[in-house]
Amino acid sequence: MPRVSTPSQVGILLAARRKALGLSQAAVASRLGISQNRLSELESRPESFTLDRLLALAGLLGLDLLLQDKAEAPASKSEW
């Protein structure tokens, strides 16, 4: 799986995975308990995802969310 560093990459990745599985937006939205229009909005504007919605959609699409250290970035002394 590719690395994700921007919200737009999340939407593209999730939409591509959904399509690769042969699932329509309507089918996925129904399983998530949201409208097809809302799923379309989430795929096109993924910055509006809540963490629980992202985890639910990723799980439904057979994906895990993994957070790991950036190998190429030096460690920062601040929390943010």
Protein backbone atom coordinates (compact mmCIF):
# COMPACT_ATOMS: atom_id res chain seq x y z
CA MET A 1 0.00 0.00 0.00
CA PRO A 2 1.23 3.51 -0.70
CA ARG A 3 2.11 6.02 1.99
CA VAL A 4 -0.46 8.69 2.65
CA SER A 5 0.61 12.22 3.50
CA THR A 6 -2.39 14.33 2.45
CA PRO A 7 -6.16 14.04 2.95
CA SER A 8 -6.80 13.91 -0.80
CA GLN A 9 -4.64 10.79 -1.04
CA VAL A 10 -6.89 9.09 1.51
CA GLY A 11 -9.99 9.72 -0.62
CA ILE A 12 -8.30 8.49 -3.78
CA LEU A 13 -6.99 5.38 -2.05
CA LEU A 14 -10.33 4.48 -0.48
CA ALA A 15 -12.29 5.06 -3.70
CA ALA A 16 -9.78 2.98 -5.67
CA ARG A 17 -10.00 0.14 -3.14
CA ARG A 18 -13.81 0.23 -3.21
CA LYS A 19 -13.79 0.04 -7.01
CA ALA A 20 -11.18 -2.75 -7.02
CA LEU A 21 -13.50 -4.76 -4.80
CA GLY A 22 -16.35 -4.14 -7.23
CA LEU A 23 -18.43 -2.27 -4.67
CA SER A 24 -20.67 0.65 -5.52
CA GLN A 25 -20.85 3.75 -3.38
CA ALA A 26 -24.46 2.86 -2.60
CA ALA A 27 -23.52 -0.62 -1.33
CA VAL A 28 -20.71 0.65 0.87
CA ALA A 29 -22.76 3.56 2.16
CA SER A 30 -25.60 1.22 3.09
CA ARG A 31 -23.21 -0.97 5.11
CA LEU A 32 -21.88 2.11 6.90
CA GLY A 33 -25.36 3.45 7.60
CA ILE A 34 -24.83 6.66 5.61
CA SER A 35 -26.20 7.97 2.34
CA GLN A 36 -24.48 7.45 -1.00
CA ASN A 37 -24.16 11.23 -1.28
CA ARG A 38 -22.30 11.37 2.05
CA LEU A 39 -19.88 8.64 0.94
CA SER A 40 -19.29 10.49 -2.31
CA GLU A 41 -18.50 13.62 -0.32
CA LEU A 42 -16.12 11.72 1.96
CA GLU A 43 -14.25 10.27 -1.02
CA SER A 44 -13.95 13.65 -2.72
CA ARG A 45 -13.31 15.69 0.46
CA PRO A 46 -11.73 13.22 2.90
CA GLU A 47 -10.64 15.98 5.29
CA SER A 48 -14.20 15.81 6.64
CA PHE A 49 -13.75 12.19 7.83
CA THR A 50 -14.02 11.56 11.52
CA LEU A 51 -11.58 8.99 12.84
CA ASP A 52 -14.35 6.53 13.66
CA ARG A 53 -15.79 6.86 10.14
CA LEU A 54 -12.34 6.40 8.57
CA LEU A 55 -11.71 3.27 10.63
CA ALA A 56 -15.15 1.87 9.78
CA LEU A 57 -14.71 2.46 6.05
CA ALA A 58 -11.16 1.10 6.04
CA GLY A 59 -12.31 -2.02 7.87
CA LEU A 60 -15.22 -2.53 5.51
CA LEU A 61 -12.78 -2.34 2.58
CA GLY A 62 -10.41 -4.83 4.22
CA LEU A 63 -7.78 -2.22 5.08
CA ASP A 64 -5.92 -1.55 8.33
CA LEU A 65 -4.81 1.86 9.45
CA LEU A 66 -1.14 1.81 10.44
CA LEU A 67 0.76 4.69 11.99
CA GLN A 68 4.50 4.39 12.07
CA ASP A 69 7.63 6.47 12.44
CA LYS A 70 8.85 8.21 9.34
CA ALA A 71 12.11 6.49 8.51
CA GLU A 72 13.52 9.42 6.59
CA ALA A 73 12.59 12.23 8.98
CA PRO A 74 14.80 13.14 11.95
CA ALA A 75 13.17 12.88 15.35
CA SER A 76 11.61 16.10 16.61
CA LYS A 77 11.88 17.28 20.21
CA SER A 78 8.39 18.79 20.26
CA GLU A 79 5.13 16.87 20.39
CA TRP A 80 3.81 18.77 17.35
